[in-house]
mmCIF file of all heavy atoms, coordinates in Angstrom:
data_MODEL
# 
_entry.id   MODEL 
# 
loop_
_atom_site.group_PDB 
_atom_site.id 
_atom_site.type_symbol 
_atom_site.label_atom_id 
_atom_site.label_alt_id 
_atom_site.label_comp_id 
_atom_site.label_asym_id 
_atom_site.label_entity_id 
_atom_site.label_seq_id 
_atom_site.pdbx_PDB_ins_code 
_atom_site.Cartn_x 
_atom_site.Cartn_y 
_atom_site.Cartn_z 
_atom_site.occupancy 
_atom_site.B_iso_or_equiv 
_atom_site.pdbx_formal_charge 
_atom_site.auth_seq_id 
_atom_site.auth_comp_id 
_atom_site.auth_asym_id 
_atom_site.auth_atom_id 
_atom_site.pdbx_PDB_model_num 
ATOM 1   N N   . VAL A 1 1  ? 1.985   -6.189  0.181   1.00 0.00 ? 1  VAL A N   1 
ATOM 2   C CA  . VAL A 1 1  ? 1.492   -4.912  0.714   1.00 0.00 ? 1  VAL A CA  1 
ATOM 3   C C   . VAL A 1 1  ? 2.003   -3.743  -0.129  1.00 0.00 ? 1  VAL A C   1 
ATOM 4   O O   . VAL A 1 1  ? 1.252   -2.828  -0.474  1.00 0.00 ? 1  VAL A O   1 
ATOM 5   C CB  . VAL A 1 1  ? 1.913   -4.764  2.195   1.00 0.00 ? 1  VAL A CB  1 
ATOM 6   C CG1 . VAL A 1 1  ? 1.698   -3.345  2.691   1.00 0.00 ? 1  VAL A CG1 1 
ATOM 7   C CG2 . VAL A 1 1  ? 1.131   -5.741  3.062   1.00 0.00 ? 1  VAL A CG2 1 
ATOM 8   N N   . ALA A 1 2  ? 3.289   -3.780  -0.498  1.00 0.00 ? 2  ALA A N   1 
ATOM 9   C CA  . ALA A 1 2  ? 3.874   -2.707  -1.312  1.00 0.00 ? 2  ALA A CA  1 
ATOM 10  C C   . ALA A 1 2  ? 3.199   -2.645  -2.693  1.00 0.00 ? 2  ALA A C   1 
ATOM 11  O O   . ALA A 1 2  ? 2.861   -1.564  -3.189  1.00 0.00 ? 2  ALA A O   1 
ATOM 12  C CB  . ALA A 1 2  ? 5.375   -2.927  -1.464  1.00 0.00 ? 2  ALA A CB  1 
ATOM 13  N N   . GLY A 1 3  ? 2.980   -3.814  -3.298  1.00 0.00 ? 3  GLY A N   1 
ATOM 14  C CA  . GLY A 1 3  ? 2.303   -3.874  -4.590  1.00 0.00 ? 3  GLY A CA  1 
ATOM 15  C C   . GLY A 1 3  ? 0.865   -3.388  -4.493  1.00 0.00 ? 3  GLY A C   1 
ATOM 16  O O   . GLY A 1 3  ? 0.374   -2.680  -5.381  1.00 0.00 ? 3  GLY A O   1 
ATOM 17  N N   . ALA A 1 4  ? 0.190   -3.759  -3.406  1.00 0.00 ? 4  ALA A N   1 
ATOM 18  C CA  . ALA A 1 4  ? -1.198  -3.313  -3.191  1.00 0.00 ? 4  ALA A CA  1 
ATOM 19  C C   . ALA A 1 4  ? -1.268  -1.798  -3.078  1.00 0.00 ? 4  ALA A C   1 
ATOM 20  O O   . ALA A 1 4  ? -2.159  -1.159  -3.652  1.00 0.00 ? 4  ALA A O   1 
ATOM 21  C CB  . ALA A 1 4  ? -1.770  -3.965  -1.932  1.00 0.00 ? 4  ALA A CB  1 
ATOM 22  N N   . MET A 1 5  ? -0.312  -1.215  -2.372  1.00 0.00 ? 5  MET A N   1 
ATOM 23  C CA  . MET A 1 5  ? -0.291  0.242   -2.226  1.00 0.00 ? 5  MET A CA  1 
ATOM 24  C C   . MET A 1 5  ? -0.071  0.912   -3.586  1.00 0.00 ? 5  MET A C   1 
ATOM 25  O O   . MET A 1 5  ? -0.724  1.906   -3.916  1.00 0.00 ? 5  MET A O   1 
ATOM 26  C CB  . MET A 1 5  ? 0.812   0.665   -1.245  1.00 0.00 ? 5  MET A CB  1 
ATOM 27  C CG  . MET A 1 5  ? 0.537   0.277   0.204   1.00 0.00 ? 5  MET A CG  1 
ATOM 28  S SD  . MET A 1 5  ? -0.997  0.947   0.887   1.00 0.00 ? 5  MET A SD  1 
ATOM 29  C CE  . MET A 1 5  ? -0.564  2.663   1.130   1.00 0.00 ? 5  MET A CE  1 
ATOM 30  N N   . GLN A 1 6  ? 0.831   0.351   -4.390  1.00 0.00 ? 6  GLN A N   1 
ATOM 31  C CA  . GLN A 1 6  ? 1.062   0.922   -5.725  1.00 0.00 ? 6  GLN A CA  1 
ATOM 32  C C   . GLN A 1 6  ? -0.216  0.855   -6.558  1.00 0.00 ? 6  GLN A C   1 
ATOM 33  O O   . GLN A 1 6  ? -0.577  1.824   -7.237  1.00 0.00 ? 6  GLN A O   1 
ATOM 34  C CB  . GLN A 1 6  ? 2.187   0.179   -6.449  1.00 0.00 ? 6  GLN A CB  1 
ATOM 35  C CG  . GLN A 1 6  ? 2.396   0.709   -7.867  1.00 0.00 ? 6  GLN A CG  1 
ATOM 36  C CD  . GLN A 1 6  ? 3.624   0.146   -8.549  1.00 0.00 ? 6  GLN A CD  1 
ATOM 37  O OE1 . GLN A 1 6  ? 4.703   0.080   -7.963  1.00 0.00 ? 6  GLN A OE1 1 
ATOM 38  N NE2 . GLN A 1 6  ? 3.479   -0.279  -9.796  1.00 0.00 ? 6  GLN A NE2 1 
ATOM 39  N N   . LEU A 1 7  ? -0.911  -0.266  -6.495  1.00 0.00 ? 7  LEU A N   1 
ATOM 40  C CA  . LEU A 1 7  ? -2.140  -0.446  -7.270  1.00 0.00 ? 7  LEU A CA  1 
ATOM 41  C C   . LEU A 1 7  ? -3.216  0.552   -6.817  1.00 0.00 ? 7  LEU A C   1 
ATOM 42  O O   . LEU A 1 7  ? -3.885  1.185   -7.641  1.00 0.00 ? 7  LEU A O   1 
ATOM 43  C CB  . LEU A 1 7  ? -2.634  -1.893  -7.122  1.00 0.00 ? 7  LEU A CB  1 
ATOM 44  C CG  . LEU A 1 7  ? -3.950  -2.297  -7.783  1.00 0.00 ? 7  LEU A CG  1 
ATOM 45  C CD1 . LEU A 1 7  ? -4.096  -1.745  -9.180  1.00 0.00 ? 7  LEU A CD1 1 
ATOM 46  C CD2 . LEU A 1 7  ? -4.075  -3.811  -7.800  1.00 0.00 ? 7  LEU A CD2 1 
ATOM 47  N N   . LEU A 1 8  ? -3.378  0.716   -5.510  1.00 0.00 ? 8  LEU A N   1 
ATOM 48  C CA  . LEU A 1 8  ? -4.386  1.644   -4.982  1.00 0.00 ? 8  LEU A CA  1 
ATOM 49  C C   . LEU A 1 8  ? -4.069  3.085   -5.363  1.00 0.00 ? 8  LEU A C   1 
ATOM 50  O O   . LEU A 1 8  ? -4.948  3.847   -5.766  1.00 0.00 ? 8  LEU A O   1 
ATOM 51  C CB  . LEU A 1 8  ? -4.473  1.507   -3.452  1.00 0.00 ? 8  LEU A CB  1 
ATOM 52  C CG  . LEU A 1 8  ? -5.070  0.189   -2.948  1.00 0.00 ? 8  LEU A CG  1 
ATOM 53  C CD1 . LEU A 1 8  ? -4.811  0.012   -1.455  1.00 0.00 ? 8  LEU A CD1 1 
ATOM 54  C CD2 . LEU A 1 8  ? -6.573  0.114   -3.242  1.00 0.00 ? 8  LEU A CD2 1 
ATOM 55  N N   . VAL A 1 9  ? -2.788  3.454   -5.257  1.00 0.00 ? 9  VAL A N   1 
ATOM 56  C CA  . VAL A 1 9  ? -2.376  4.827   -5.571  1.00 0.00 ? 9  VAL A CA  1 
ATOM 57  C C   . VAL A 1 9  ? -2.521  5.111   -7.065  1.00 0.00 ? 9  VAL A C   1 
ATOM 58  O O   . VAL A 1 9  ? -3.111  6.123   -7.467  1.00 0.00 ? 9  VAL A O   1 
ATOM 59  C CB  . VAL A 1 9  ? -0.915  5.069   -5.107  1.00 0.00 ? 9  VAL A CB  1 
ATOM 60  C CG1 . VAL A 1 9  ? -0.412  6.426   -5.589  1.00 0.00 ? 9  VAL A CG1 1 
ATOM 61  C CG2 . VAL A 1 9  ? -0.814  4.986   -3.587  1.00 0.00 ? 9  VAL A CG2 1 
ATOM 62  N N   . ASP A 1 10 ? -2.001  4.203   -7.902  1.00 0.00 ? 10 ASP A N   1 
ATOM 63  C CA  . ASP A 1 10 ? -2.006  4.448   -9.349  1.00 0.00 ? 10 ASP A CA  1 
ATOM 64  C C   . ASP A 1 10 ? -3.410  4.383   -9.962  1.00 0.00 ? 10 ASP A C   1 
ATOM 65  O O   . ASP A 1 10 ? -3.666  4.978   -11.005 1.00 0.00 ? 10 ASP A O   1 
ATOM 66  C CB  . ASP A 1 10 ? -1.074  3.458   -10.062 1.00 0.00 ? 10 ASP A CB  1 
ATOM 67  C CG  . ASP A 1 10 ? 0.392   3.752   -9.779  1.00 0.00 ? 10 ASP A CG  1 
ATOM 68  O OD1 . ASP A 1 10 ? 0.674   4.758   -9.100  1.00 0.00 ? 10 ASP A OD1 1 
ATOM 69  O OD2 . ASP A 1 10 ? 1.259   2.971   -10.223 1.00 0.00 ? 10 ASP A OD2 1 
ATOM 70  N N   . SER A 1 11 ? -4.309  3.641   -9.309  1.00 0.00 ? 11 SER A N   1 
ATOM 71  C CA  . SER A 1 11 ? -5.684  3.581   -9.825  1.00 0.00 ? 11 SER A CA  1 
ATOM 72  C C   . SER A 1 11 ? -6.576  4.626   -9.143  1.00 0.00 ? 11 SER A C   1 
ATOM 73  O O   . SER A 1 11 ? -7.787  4.648   -9.341  1.00 0.00 ? 11 SER A O   1 
ATOM 74  C CB  . SER A 1 11 ? -6.264  2.174   -9.649  1.00 0.00 ? 11 SER A CB  1 
ATOM 75  O OG  . SER A 1 11 ? -6.296  1.825   -8.276  1.00 0.00 ? 11 SER A OG  1 
ATOM 76  N N   . LYS A 1 12 ? -5.948  5.478   -8.312  1.00 0.00 ? 12 LYS A N   1 
ATOM 77  C CA  . LYS A 1 12 ? -6.658  6.570   -7.603  1.00 0.00 ? 12 LYS A CA  1 
ATOM 78  C C   . LYS A 1 12 ? -7.884  6.051   -6.839  1.00 0.00 ? 12 LYS A C   1 
ATOM 79  O O   . LYS A 1 12 ? -8.983  6.619   -6.909  1.00 0.00 ? 12 LYS A O   1 
ATOM 80  C CB  . LYS A 1 12 ? -7.065  7.676   -8.586  1.00 0.00 ? 12 LYS A CB  1 
ATOM 81  C CG  . LYS A 1 12 ? -5.866  8.349   -9.252  1.00 0.00 ? 12 LYS A CG  1 
ATOM 82  C CD  . LYS A 1 12 ? -6.283  9.471   -10.182 1.00 0.00 ? 12 LYS A CD  1 
ATOM 83  C CE  . LYS A 1 12 ? -5.115  10.314  -10.657 1.00 0.00 ? 12 LYS A CE  1 
ATOM 84  N NZ  . LYS A 1 12 ? -4.068  9.574   -11.377 1.00 0.00 ? 12 LYS A NZ  1 
ATOM 85  N N   . ALA A 1 13 ? -7.675  4.967   -6.116  1.00 0.00 ? 13 ALA A N   1 
ATOM 86  C CA  . ALA A 1 13 ? -8.777  4.332   -5.377  1.00 0.00 ? 13 ALA A CA  1 
ATOM 87  C C   . ALA A 1 13 ? -9.274  5.239   -4.255  1.00 0.00 ? 13 ALA A C   1 
ATOM 88  O O   . ALA A 1 13 ? -8.491  5.924   -3.600  1.00 0.00 ? 13 ALA A O   1 
ATOM 89  C CB  . ALA A 1 13 ? -8.308  3.001   -4.796  1.00 0.00 ? 13 ALA A CB  1 
ATOM 90  N N   . LYS A 1 14 ? -10.593 5.233   -4.054  1.00 0.00 ? 14 LYS A N   1 
ATOM 91  C CA  . LYS A 1 14 ? -11.205 6.040   -2.990  1.00 0.00 ? 14 LYS A CA  1 
ATOM 92  C C   . LYS A 1 14 ? -11.153 5.249   -1.677  1.00 0.00 ? 14 LYS A C   1 
ATOM 93  O O   . LYS A 1 14 ? -12.142 4.683   -1.220  1.00 0.00 ? 14 LYS A O   1 
ATOM 94  C CB  . LYS A 1 14 ? -12.657 6.361   -3.351  1.00 0.00 ? 14 LYS A CB  1 
ATOM 95  C CG  . LYS A 1 14 ? -12.793 7.150   -4.632  1.00 0.00 ? 14 LYS A CG  1 
ATOM 96  C CD  . LYS A 1 14 ? -12.367 8.596   -4.418  1.00 0.00 ? 14 LYS A CD  1 
ATOM 97  C CE  . LYS A 1 14 ? -12.486 9.413   -5.682  1.00 0.00 ? 14 LYS A CE  1 
ATOM 98  N NZ  . LYS A 1 14 ? -11.400 10.399  -5.804  1.00 0.00 ? 14 LYS A NZ  1 
ATOM 99  N N   . VAL A 1 15 ? -9.966  5.207   -1.097  1.00 0.00 ? 15 VAL A N   1 
ATOM 100 C CA  . VAL A 1 15 ? -9.758  4.445   0.137   1.00 0.00 ? 15 VAL A CA  1 
ATOM 101 C C   . VAL A 1 15 ? -8.881  5.252   1.085   1.00 0.00 ? 15 VAL A C   1 
ATOM 102 O O   . VAL A 1 15 ? -8.230  6.217   0.699   1.00 0.00 ? 15 VAL A O   1 
ATOM 103 C CB  . VAL A 1 15 ? -9.078  3.074   -0.146  1.00 0.00 ? 15 VAL A CB  1 
ATOM 104 C CG1 . VAL A 1 15 ? -9.962  2.193   -1.010  1.00 0.00 ? 15 VAL A CG1 1 
ATOM 105 C CG2 . VAL A 1 15 ? -7.708  3.276   -0.802  1.00 0.00 ? 15 VAL A CG2 1 
ATOM 106 N N   . ASN A 1 16 ? -8.869  4.833   2.347   1.00 0.00 ? 16 ASN A N   1 
ATOM 107 C CA  . ASN A 1 16 ? -8.020  5.433   3.376   1.00 0.00 ? 16 ASN A CA  1 
ATOM 108 C C   . ASN A 1 16 ? -7.193  4.286   3.951   1.00 0.00 ? 16 ASN A C   1 
ATOM 109 O O   . ASN A 1 16 ? -7.717  3.431   4.670   1.00 0.00 ? 16 ASN A O   1 
ATOM 110 C CB  . ASN A 1 16 ? -8.912  6.076   4.445   1.00 0.00 ? 16 ASN A CB  1 
ATOM 111 C CG  . ASN A 1 16 ? -8.114  6.765   5.531   1.00 0.00 ? 16 ASN A CG  1 
ATOM 112 O OD1 . ASN A 1 16 ? -6.926  7.052   5.359   1.00 0.00 ? 16 ASN A OD1 1 
ATOM 113 N ND2 . ASN A 1 16 ? -8.755  7.030   6.659   1.00 0.00 ? 16 ASN A ND2 1 
ATOM 114 N N   . VAL A 1 17 ? -5.914  4.212   3.583   1.00 0.00 ? 17 VAL A N   1 
ATOM 115 C CA  . VAL A 1 17 ? -5.144  2.989   3.855   1.00 0.00 ? 17 VAL A CA  1 
ATOM 116 C C   . VAL A 1 17 ? -3.742  3.315   4.347   1.00 0.00 ? 17 VAL A C   1 
ATOM 117 O O   . VAL A 1 17 ? -3.151  4.328   3.955   1.00 0.00 ? 17 VAL A O   1 
ATOM 118 C CB  . VAL A 1 17 ? -5.115  2.103   2.572   1.00 0.00 ? 17 VAL A CB  1 
ATOM 119 C CG1 . VAL A 1 17 ? -4.388  2.795   1.433   1.00 0.00 ? 17 VAL A CG1 1 
ATOM 120 C CG2 . VAL A 1 17 ? -4.492  0.737   2.839   1.00 0.00 ? 17 VAL A CG2 1 
ATOM 121 N N   . ILE A 1 18 ? -3.230  2.445   5.205   1.00 0.00 ? 18 ILE A N   1 
ATOM 122 C CA  . ILE A 1 18 ? -1.836  2.565   5.642   1.00 0.00 ? 18 ILE A CA  1 
ATOM 123 C C   . ILE A 1 18 ? -1.164  1.199   5.570   1.00 0.00 ? 18 ILE A C   1 
ATOM 124 O O   . ILE A 1 18 ? -1.746  0.190   5.984   1.00 0.00 ? 18 ILE A O   1 
ATOM 125 C CB  . ILE A 1 18 ? -1.718  3.178   7.056   1.00 0.00 ? 18 ILE A CB  1 
ATOM 126 C CG1 . ILE A 1 18 ? -0.244  3.489   7.373   1.00 0.00 ? 18 ILE A CG1 1 
ATOM 127 C CG2 . ILE A 1 18 ? -2.343  2.293   8.134   1.00 0.00 ? 18 ILE A CG2 1 
ATOM 128 C CD1 . ILE A 1 18 ? -0.045  4.489   8.480   1.00 0.00 ? 18 ILE A CD1 1 
ATOM 129 N N   . ALA A 1 19 ? 0.020   1.170   4.991   1.00 0.00 ? 19 ALA A N   1 
ATOM 130 C CA  . ALA A 1 19 ? 0.818   -0.063  4.959   1.00 0.00 ? 19 ALA A CA  1 
ATOM 131 C C   . ALA A 1 19 ? 1.777   -0.039  6.136   1.00 0.00 ? 19 ALA A C   1 
ATOM 132 O O   . ALA A 1 19 ? 2.395   0.994   6.412   1.00 0.00 ? 19 ALA A O   1 
ATOM 133 C CB  . ALA A 1 19 ? 1.604   -0.143  3.655   1.00 0.00 ? 19 ALA A CB  1 
ATOM 134 N N   . LEU A 1 20 ? 1.880   -1.160  6.839   1.00 0.00 ? 20 LEU A N   1 
ATOM 135 C CA  . LEU A 1 20 ? 2.802   -1.285  7.978   1.00 0.00 ? 20 LEU A CA  1 
ATOM 136 C C   . LEU A 1 20 ? 3.734   -2.458  7.693   1.00 0.00 ? 20 LEU A C   1 
ATOM 137 O O   . LEU A 1 20 ? 3.296   -3.607  7.609   1.00 0.00 ? 20 LEU A O   1 
ATOM 138 C CB  . LEU A 1 20 ? 2.015   -1.528  9.275   1.00 0.00 ? 20 LEU A CB  1 
ATOM 139 C CG  . LEU A 1 20 ? 0.968   -0.458  9.627   1.00 0.00 ? 20 LEU A CG  1 
ATOM 140 C CD1 . LEU A 1 20 ? 0.169   -0.887  10.856  1.00 0.00 ? 20 LEU A CD1 1 
ATOM 141 C CD2 . LEU A 1 20 ? 1.611   0.895   9.864   1.00 0.00 ? 20 LEU A CD2 1 
ATOM 142 N N   . ILE A 1 21 ? 5.023   -2.156  7.516   1.00 0.00 ? 21 ILE A N   1 
ATOM 143 C CA  . ILE A 1 21 ? 5.963   -3.203  7.097   1.00 0.00 ? 21 ILE A CA  1 
ATOM 144 C C   . ILE A 1 21 ? 7.157   -3.298  8.045   1.00 0.00 ? 21 ILE A C   1 
ATOM 145 O O   . ILE A 1 21 ? 8.056   -2.452  8.015   1.00 0.00 ? 21 ILE A O   1 
ATOM 146 C CB  . ILE A 1 21 ? 6.463   -2.943  5.652   1.00 0.00 ? 21 ILE A CB  1 
ATOM 147 C CG1 . ILE A 1 21 ? 5.275   -2.792  4.682   1.00 0.00 ? 21 ILE A CG1 1 
ATOM 148 C CG2 . ILE A 1 21 ? 7.372   -4.073  5.197   1.00 0.00 ? 21 ILE A CG2 1 
ATOM 149 C CD1 . ILE A 1 21 ? 5.670   -2.437  3.258   1.00 0.00 ? 21 ILE A CD1 1 
ATOM 150 N N   . PRO A 1 22 ? 7.172   -4.337  8.906   1.00 0.00 ? 22 PRO A N   1 
ATOM 151 C CA  . PRO A 1 22 ? 8.348   -4.587  9.742   1.00 0.00 ? 22 PRO A CA  1 
ATOM 152 C C   . PRO A 1 22 ? 9.410   -5.318  8.924   1.00 0.00 ? 22 PRO A C   1 
ATOM 153 O O   . PRO A 1 22 ? 9.117   -6.299  8.249   1.00 0.00 ? 22 PRO A O   1 
ATOM 154 C CB  . PRO A 1 22 ? 7.799   -5.475  10.860  1.00 0.00 ? 22 PRO A CB  1 
ATOM 155 C CG  . PRO A 1 22 ? 6.600   -6.153  10.280  1.00 0.00 ? 22 PRO A CG  1 
ATOM 156 C CD  . PRO A 1 22 ? 6.085   -5.292  9.162   1.00 0.00 ? 22 PRO A CD  1 
ATOM 157 N N   . MET A 1 23 ? 10.655  -4.831  8.979   1.00 0.00 ? 23 MET A N   1 
ATOM 158 C CA  . MET A 1 23 ? 11.731  -5.398  8.147   1.00 0.00 ? 23 MET A CA  1 
ATOM 159 C C   . MET A 1 23 ? 12.891  -5.878  9.015   1.00 0.00 ? 23 MET A C   1 
ATOM 160 O O   . MET A 1 23 ? 13.483  -5.106  9.764   1.00 0.00 ? 23 MET A O   1 
ATOM 161 C CB  . MET A 1 23 ? 12.252  -4.341  7.172   1.00 0.00 ? 23 MET A CB  1 
ATOM 162 C CG  . MET A 1 23 ? 11.197  -3.837  6.223   1.00 0.00 ? 23 MET A CG  1 
ATOM 163 S SD  . MET A 1 23 ? 11.815  -2.438  5.261   1.00 0.00 ? 23 MET A SD  1 
ATOM 164 C CE  . MET A 1 23 ? 10.406  -2.141  4.188   1.00 0.00 ? 23 MET A CE  1 
ATOM 165 N N   . VAL A 1 24 ? 13.196  -7.174  8.887   1.00 0.00 ? 24 VAL A N   1 
ATOM 166 C CA  . VAL A 1 24 ? 14.294  -7.778  9.648   1.00 0.00 ? 24 VAL A CA  1 
ATOM 167 C C   . VAL A 1 24 ? 14.987  -8.834  8.787   1.00 0.00 ? 24 VAL A C   1 
ATOM 168 O O   . VAL A 1 24 ? 14.494  -9.214  7.736   1.00 0.00 ? 24 VAL A O   1 
ATOM 169 C CB  . VAL A 1 24 ? 13.789  -8.477  10.940  1.00 0.00 ? 24 VAL A CB  1 
ATOM 170 C CG1 . VAL A 1 24 ? 13.134  -7.501  11.894  1.00 0.00 ? 24 VAL A CG1 1 
ATOM 171 C CG2 . VAL A 1 24 ? 12.832  -9.624  10.606  1.00 0.00 ? 24 VAL A CG2 1 
ATOM 172 N N   . GLU A 1 25 ? 16.130  -9.294  9.280   1.00 0.00 ? 25 GLU A N   1 
ATOM 173 C CA  . GLU A 1 25 ? 16.790  -10.471 8.714   1.00 0.00 ? 25 GLU A CA  1 
ATOM 174 C C   . GLU A 1 25 ? 16.991  -11.442 9.873   1.00 0.00 ? 25 GLU A C   1 
ATOM 175 O O   . GLU A 1 25 ? 17.434  -11.030 10.944  1.00 0.00 ? 25 GLU A O   1 
ATOM 176 C CB  . GLU A 1 25 ? 18.134  -10.051 8.109   1.00 0.00 ? 25 GLU A CB  1 
ATOM 177 C CG  . GLU A 1 25 ? 18.870  -11.177 7.403   1.00 0.00 ? 25 GLU A CG  1 
ATOM 178 C CD  . GLU A 1 25 ? 20.257  -10.733 6.941   1.00 0.00 ? 25 GLU A CD  1 
ATOM 179 O OE1 . GLU A 1 25 ? 21.137  -10.532 7.800   1.00 0.00 ? 25 GLU A OE1 1 
ATOM 180 O OE2 . GLU A 1 25 ? 20.449  -10.584 5.727   1.00 0.00 ? 25 GLU A OE2 1 
# 
C-alpha cells in the first residue's frame, strides 16, 4: 500500500485514494 501510494503520487495519477494501514506487533 505504501509503495502504491508513492507510485501514484510520483506519477501524478488522476485518482482519489486513501491508504489505511493498521500497525501492530
